[in-house]
Amino acid sequence: MRTTWTNTWHQPRDDKAWCVRGVTALLVLPLLALDLMFIGLSPMATDSCGPDHCSAALMTSLAVAPVVWFVAAALLVLTWALPSRPRYGVTRGVAAAGAFAAGALVIGILANLPMG
């Protein structure tokens, strides 16, 4: 019995991959820019207590927000880095949704900072 080997590079292309990438970029890029503005302004939350005397919850929130921002940016890059093949469609969709959720989470973290 003879088995045939299929070349994975000749799989059909997913014509809707650009749509997921484009919509994600249009939604997430402005959100990431807004997040950067809030991350830049967030150290002012330590003005009343000084960075050495603020609560641990406040300092943790200020440290976590940039990490979540980088996760959102990495997931956005992942949506563009995945090949345009149908087998990566679900992964591309999950990465796109995760990028938007992480970008929104940064605003949620910084909008609800604990008292210093």
N, C-alpha and C. Protein backbone atom coordinates (compact mmCIF):
# COMPACT_ATOMS: atom_id res chain seq x y z
N MET A 1 0.84 -1.17 0.00
CA MET A 1 0.00 0.00 0.00
C MET A 1 0.89 1.25 0.00
N ARG A 2 0.56 2.16 -0.81
CA ARG A 2 1.36 3.38 -0.96
C ARG A 2 0.66 4.55 -0.26
N THR A 3 1.40 5.27 0.55
CA THR A 3 0.84 6.44 1.20
C THR A 3 1.37 7.67 0.48
N THR A 4 0.56 8.68 0.45
CA THR A 4 0.96 9.93 -0.21
C THR A 4 1.24 10.98 0.84
N TRP A 5 2.22 11.76 0.54
CA TRP A 5 2.60 12.84 1.42
C TRP A 5 2.05 14.13 0.84
N THR A 6 1.40 14.94 1.68
CA THR A 6 0.86 16.21 1.21
C THR A 6 1.74 17.34 1.68
N ASN A 7 1.98 18.24 0.82
CA ASN A 7 2.80 19.39 1.13
C ASN A 7 1.93 20.42 1.85
N THR A 8 2.36 20.84 3.01
CA THR A 8 1.56 21.79 3.78
C THR A 8 1.61 23.21 3.21
N TRP A 9 2.55 23.49 2.34
CA TRP A 9 2.64 24.84 1.77
C TRP A 9 1.63 25.06 0.66
N HIS A 10 1.02 24.02 0.19
CA HIS A 10 0.05 24.16 -0.89
C HIS A 10 -1.37 24.00 -0.40
N GLN A 11 -1.59 24.30 0.84
CA GLN A 11 -2.95 24.29 1.36
C GLN A 11 -3.68 25.52 0.85
N PRO A 12 -5.00 25.47 0.81
CA PRO A 12 -5.75 26.65 0.34
C PRO A 12 -5.59 27.82 1.31
N ARG A 13 -5.68 29.02 0.78
CA ARG A 13 -5.55 30.23 1.58
C ARG A 13 -6.91 30.61 2.15
N ASP A 14 -6.90 31.20 3.31
CA ASP A 14 -8.11 31.70 3.94
C ASP A 14 -8.32 33.13 3.48
N ASP A 15 -9.34 33.35 2.65
CA ASP A 15 -9.57 34.68 2.10
C ASP A 15 -10.08 35.68 3.13
N LYS A 16 -10.58 35.19 4.26
CA LYS A 16 -11.11 36.09 5.28
C LYS A 16 -10.09 36.42 6.36
N ALA A 17 -8.87 35.95 6.22
CA ALA A 17 -7.84 36.23 7.23
C ALA A 17 -7.53 37.72 7.29
N TRP A 18 -7.52 38.39 6.16
CA TRP A 18 -7.22 39.82 6.15
C TRP A 18 -8.30 40.61 6.88
N CYS A 19 -9.53 40.12 6.86
CA CYS A 19 -10.63 40.82 7.53
C CYS A 19 -10.42 40.82 9.04
N VAL A 20 -10.07 39.65 9.59
CA VAL A 20 -9.81 39.57 11.03
C VAL A 20 -8.64 40.45 11.40
N ARG A 21 -7.59 40.40 10.60
CA ARG A 21 -6.40 41.22 10.89
C ARG A 21 -6.71 42.71 10.80
N GLY A 22 -7.43 43.10 9.77
CA GLY A 22 -7.74 44.51 9.58
C GLY A 22 -8.64 45.08 10.66
N VAL A 23 -9.69 44.35 11.00
CA VAL A 23 -10.61 44.82 12.04
C VAL A 23 -9.89 44.88 13.38
N THR A 24 -9.07 43.89 13.65
CA THR A 24 -8.31 43.90 14.91
C THR A 24 -7.38 45.10 14.96
N ALA A 25 -6.69 45.37 13.87
CA ALA A 25 -5.77 46.52 13.85
C ALA A 25 -6.53 47.83 14.02
N LEU A 26 -7.69 47.96 13.36
CA LEU A 26 -8.47 49.20 13.48
C LEU A 26 -9.02 49.42 14.88
N LEU A 27 -9.31 48.35 15.59
CA LEU A 27 -9.83 48.48 16.95
C LEU A 27 -8.74 48.57 18.01
N VAL A 28 -7.70 47.77 17.85
CA VAL A 28 -6.71 47.64 18.93
C VAL A 28 -5.64 48.73 18.88
N LEU A 29 -5.22 49.16 17.71
CA LEU A 29 -4.17 50.18 17.65
C LEU A 29 -4.57 51.49 18.33
N PRO A 30 -5.77 52.04 18.09
CA PRO A 30 -6.15 53.25 18.85
C PRO A 30 -6.29 52.96 20.35
N LEU A 31 -6.76 51.76 20.69
CA LEU A 31 -6.88 51.39 22.10
C LEU A 31 -5.51 51.32 22.77
N LEU A 32 -4.53 50.78 22.07
CA LEU A 32 -3.17 50.72 22.62
C LEU A 32 -2.57 52.12 22.78
N ALA A 33 -2.87 53.00 21.84
CA ALA A 33 -2.38 54.39 21.96
C ALA A 33 -3.01 55.08 23.18
N LEU A 34 -4.30 54.86 23.37
CA LEU A 34 -4.97 55.43 24.54
C LEU A 34 -4.42 54.83 25.83
N ASP A 35 -4.15 53.53 25.79
CA ASP A 35 -3.54 52.88 26.96
C ASP A 35 -2.19 53.48 27.30
N LEU A 36 -1.39 53.76 26.28
CA LEU A 36 -0.08 54.37 26.53
C LEU A 36 -0.20 55.73 27.20
N MET A 37 -1.22 56.49 26.79
CA MET A 37 -1.43 57.78 27.42
C MET A 37 -1.76 57.61 28.90
N PHE A 38 -2.66 56.66 29.19
CA PHE A 38 -3.02 56.42 30.59
C PHE A 38 -1.86 55.85 31.39
N ILE A 39 -1.06 54.98 30.78
CA ILE A 39 0.10 54.43 31.48
C ILE A 39 1.10 55.55 31.78
N GLY A 40 1.25 56.49 30.86
CA GLY A 40 2.14 57.62 31.09
C GLY A 40 1.66 58.55 32.19
N LEU A 41 0.34 58.68 32.33
CA LEU A 41 -0.21 59.57 33.35
C LEU A 41 -0.39 58.88 34.70
N SER A 42 -0.37 57.57 34.72
CA SER A 42 -0.69 56.85 35.95
C SER A 42 0.30 57.06 37.10
N PRO A 43 1.58 57.35 36.89
CA PRO A 43 2.44 57.61 38.06
C PRO A 43 2.01 58.81 38.89
N MET A 44 1.15 59.66 38.34
CA MET A 44 0.66 60.79 39.13
C MET A 44 -0.25 60.32 40.26
N ALA A 45 -0.68 59.06 40.23
CA ALA A 45 -1.49 58.53 41.33
C ALA A 45 -0.68 58.42 42.61
N THR A 46 0.64 58.45 42.48
CA THR A 46 1.49 58.35 43.68
C THR A 46 1.88 59.72 44.22
N ASP A 47 1.33 60.78 43.67
CA ASP A 47 1.71 62.13 44.13
C ASP A 47 1.33 62.39 45.58
N SER A 48 0.20 61.89 46.03
CA SER A 48 -0.26 62.19 47.39
C SER A 48 0.50 61.40 48.45
N CYS A 49 1.00 60.22 48.09
CA CYS A 49 1.66 59.39 49.10
C CYS A 49 3.15 59.21 48.85
N GLY A 50 3.63 59.64 47.72
CA GLY A 50 5.04 59.41 47.41
C GLY A 50 5.26 57.96 47.02
N PRO A 51 6.15 57.68 46.10
CA PRO A 51 6.30 56.31 45.63
C PRO A 51 6.78 55.33 46.69
N ASP A 52 7.39 55.82 47.75
CA ASP A 52 7.90 54.93 48.79
C ASP A 52 6.86 54.58 49.85
N HIS A 53 5.79 55.36 49.95
CA HIS A 53 4.83 55.16 51.02
C HIS A 53 3.44 54.79 50.51
N CYS A 54 3.32 54.46 49.26
CA CYS A 54 2.02 54.08 48.70
C CYS A 54 1.70 52.62 49.04
N SER A 55 0.42 52.30 48.94
CA SER A 55 -0.01 50.94 49.26
C SER A 55 0.53 49.95 48.23
N ALA A 56 0.66 48.71 48.65
CA ALA A 56 1.16 47.66 47.76
C ALA A 56 0.18 47.40 46.62
N ALA A 57 -1.11 47.56 46.89
CA ALA A 57 -2.11 47.33 45.85
C ALA A 57 -1.97 48.36 44.72
N LEU A 58 -1.71 49.61 45.09
CA LEU A 58 -1.53 50.65 44.09
C LEU A 58 -0.28 50.39 43.26
N MET A 59 0.81 50.06 43.91
CA MET A 59 2.05 49.82 43.20
C MET A 59 1.96 48.58 42.31
N THR A 60 1.23 47.56 42.75
CA THR A 60 1.04 46.37 41.94
C THR A 60 0.22 46.69 40.69
N SER A 61 -0.83 47.47 40.85
CA SER A 61 -1.64 47.86 39.69
C SER A 61 -0.82 48.66 38.69
N LEU A 62 0.02 49.55 39.19
CA LEU A 62 0.86 50.35 38.30
C LEU A 62 1.92 49.51 37.61
N ALA A 63 2.33 48.42 38.22
CA ALA A 63 3.33 47.53 37.60
C ALA A 63 2.69 46.55 36.63
N VAL A 64 1.45 46.15 36.86
CA VAL A 64 0.79 45.16 36.02
C VAL A 64 0.30 45.77 34.71
N ALA A 65 -0.12 47.02 34.73
CA ALA A 65 -0.71 47.64 33.54
C ALA A 65 0.24 47.62 32.33
N PRO A 66 1.51 47.97 32.44
CA PRO A 66 2.38 47.89 31.26
C PRO A 66 2.60 46.45 30.76
N VAL A 67 2.60 45.50 31.67
CA VAL A 67 2.76 44.10 31.27
C VAL A 67 1.57 43.65 30.43
N VAL A 68 0.37 44.02 30.87
CA VAL A 68 -0.84 43.67 30.12
C VAL A 68 -0.84 44.38 28.77
N TRP A 69 -0.31 45.61 28.72
CA TRP A 69 -0.21 46.33 27.45
C TRP A 69 0.68 45.57 26.47
N PHE A 70 1.82 45.07 26.96
CA PHE A 70 2.71 44.30 26.08
C PHE A 70 2.07 43.00 25.62
N VAL A 71 1.26 42.38 26.47
CA VAL A 71 0.54 41.18 26.06
C VAL A 71 -0.43 41.51 24.93
N ALA A 72 -1.14 42.62 25.05
CA ALA A 72 -2.08 43.04 24.01
C ALA A 72 -1.34 43.30 22.69
N ALA A 73 -0.20 43.96 22.78
CA ALA A 73 0.59 44.24 21.57
C ALA A 73 1.11 42.94 20.96
N ALA A 74 1.54 42.00 21.79
CA ALA A 74 2.05 40.72 21.28
C ALA A 74 0.94 39.92 20.61
N LEU A 75 -0.26 39.95 21.17
CA LEU A 75 -1.38 39.24 20.55
C LEU A 75 -1.78 39.88 19.23
N LEU A 76 -1.68 41.20 19.14
CA LEU A 76 -1.95 41.88 17.87
C LEU A 76 -0.94 41.45 16.81
N VAL A 77 0.32 41.39 17.20
CA VAL A 77 1.36 40.94 16.26
C VAL A 77 1.12 39.49 15.85
N LEU A 78 0.66 38.68 16.80
CA LEU A 78 0.39 37.27 16.50
C LEU A 78 -0.71 37.11 15.46
N THR A 79 -1.72 37.98 15.49
CA THR A 79 -2.78 37.88 14.48
C THR A 79 -2.22 38.11 13.07
N TRP A 80 -1.21 38.94 12.96
CA TRP A 80 -0.59 39.19 11.66
C TRP A 80 0.47 38.15 11.33
N ALA A 81 1.07 37.53 12.32
CA ALA A 81 2.16 36.58 12.08
C ALA A 81 1.65 35.19 11.69
N LEU A 82 0.44 34.84 12.08
CA LEU A 82 -0.08 33.52 11.73
C LEU A 82 -0.32 33.41 10.24
N PRO A 83 -0.03 32.28 9.64
CA PRO A 83 -0.24 32.12 8.20
C PRO A 83 -1.72 32.22 7.82
N SER A 84 -1.96 32.59 6.59
CA SER A 84 -3.33 32.73 6.09
C SER A 84 -3.87 31.39 5.61
N ARG A 85 -3.91 30.44 6.49
CA ARG A 85 -4.42 29.11 6.19
C ARG A 85 -5.67 28.87 7.03
N PRO A 86 -6.62 28.11 6.52
CA PRO A 86 -7.84 27.86 7.28
C PRO A 86 -7.60 27.20 8.64
N ARG A 87 -6.55 26.42 8.76
CA ARG A 87 -6.33 25.72 10.03
C ARG A 87 -5.94 26.68 11.15
N TYR A 88 -5.50 27.89 10.84
CA TYR A 88 -5.12 28.87 11.85
C TYR A 88 -6.22 29.90 12.11
N GLY A 89 -7.39 29.70 11.53
CA GLY A 89 -8.47 30.66 11.67
C GLY A 89 -8.94 30.86 13.10
N VAL A 90 -9.11 29.76 13.82
CA VAL A 90 -9.56 29.86 15.21
C VAL A 90 -8.49 30.51 16.07
N THR A 91 -7.24 30.13 15.87
CA THR A 91 -6.15 30.72 16.64
C THR A 91 -6.05 32.22 16.37
N ARG A 92 -6.22 32.59 15.12
CA ARG A 92 -6.18 34.01 14.76
C ARG A 92 -7.33 34.77 15.42
N GLY A 93 -8.51 34.17 15.47
CA GLY A 93 -9.66 34.81 16.11
C GLY A 93 -9.48 34.96 17.61
N VAL A 94 -8.94 33.93 18.25
CA VAL A 94 -8.70 33.99 19.69
C VAL A 94 -7.64 35.04 20.01
N ALA A 95 -6.60 35.11 19.19
CA ALA A 95 -5.56 36.12 19.41
C ALA A 95 -6.13 37.53 19.22
N ALA A 96 -7.00 37.70 18.25
CA ALA A 96 -7.60 39.01 18.02
C ALA A 96 -8.49 39.41 19.19
N ALA A 97 -9.31 38.48 19.66
CA ALA A 97 -10.18 38.79 20.80
C ALA A 97 -9.34 39.04 22.06
N GLY A 98 -8.28 38.29 22.24
CA GLY A 98 -7.41 38.48 23.39
C GLY A 98 -6.70 39.82 23.36
N ALA A 99 -6.31 40.26 22.18
CA ALA A 99 -5.65 41.57 22.05
C ALA A 99 -6.60 42.69 22.46
N PHE A 100 -7.85 42.59 22.00
CA PHE A 100 -8.82 43.63 22.37
C PHE A 100 -9.13 43.58 23.86
N ALA A 101 -9.30 42.37 24.40
CA ALA A 101 -9.62 42.23 25.82
C ALA A 101 -8.47 42.74 26.69
N ALA A 102 -7.24 42.43 26.32
CA ALA A 102 -6.10 42.89 27.11
C ALA A 102 -5.97 44.41 27.03
N GLY A 103 -6.22 44.98 25.85
CA GLY A 103 -6.18 46.43 25.72
C GLY A 103 -7.24 47.12 26.57
N ALA A 104 -8.43 46.53 26.62
CA ALA A 104 -9.49 47.09 27.46
C ALA A 104 -9.18 46.88 28.94
N LEU A 105 -8.52 45.78 29.26
CA LEU A 105 -8.16 45.50 30.65
C LEU A 105 -7.20 46.53 31.21
N VAL A 106 -6.31 47.06 30.38
CA VAL A 106 -5.38 48.10 30.84
C VAL A 106 -6.16 49.33 31.31
N ILE A 107 -7.16 49.71 30.54
CA ILE A 107 -7.98 50.86 30.95
C ILE A 107 -8.73 50.53 32.22
N GLY A 108 -9.23 49.31 32.32
CA GLY A 108 -9.93 48.91 33.54
C GLY A 108 -9.03 48.93 34.76
N ILE A 109 -7.81 48.48 34.61
CA ILE A 109 -6.87 48.49 35.73
C ILE A 109 -6.56 49.92 36.17
N LEU A 110 -6.28 50.78 35.21
CA LEU A 110 -5.88 52.15 35.55
C LEU A 110 -7.04 53.03 35.94
N ALA A 111 -8.25 52.70 35.51
CA ALA A 111 -9.42 53.49 35.90
C ALA A 111 -9.87 53.15 37.33
N ASN A 112 -9.47 51.99 37.82
CA ASN A 112 -9.89 51.57 39.16
C ASN A 112 -8.68 51.37 40.08
N LEU A 113 -7.79 52.33 40.09
CA LEU A 113 -6.61 52.23 40.95
C LEU A 113 -7.04 52.32 42.43
N PRO A 114 -6.46 51.48 43.27
CA PRO A 114 -6.79 51.57 44.70
C PRO A 114 -6.21 52.86 45.31
N MET A 115 -6.73 53.20 46.45
CA MET A 115 -6.25 54.40 47.13
C MET A 115 -4.82 54.19 47.58
N GLY A 116 -4.03 55.27 47.52
CA GLY A 116 -2.62 55.20 47.88
C GLY A 116 -2.42 55.20 49.33
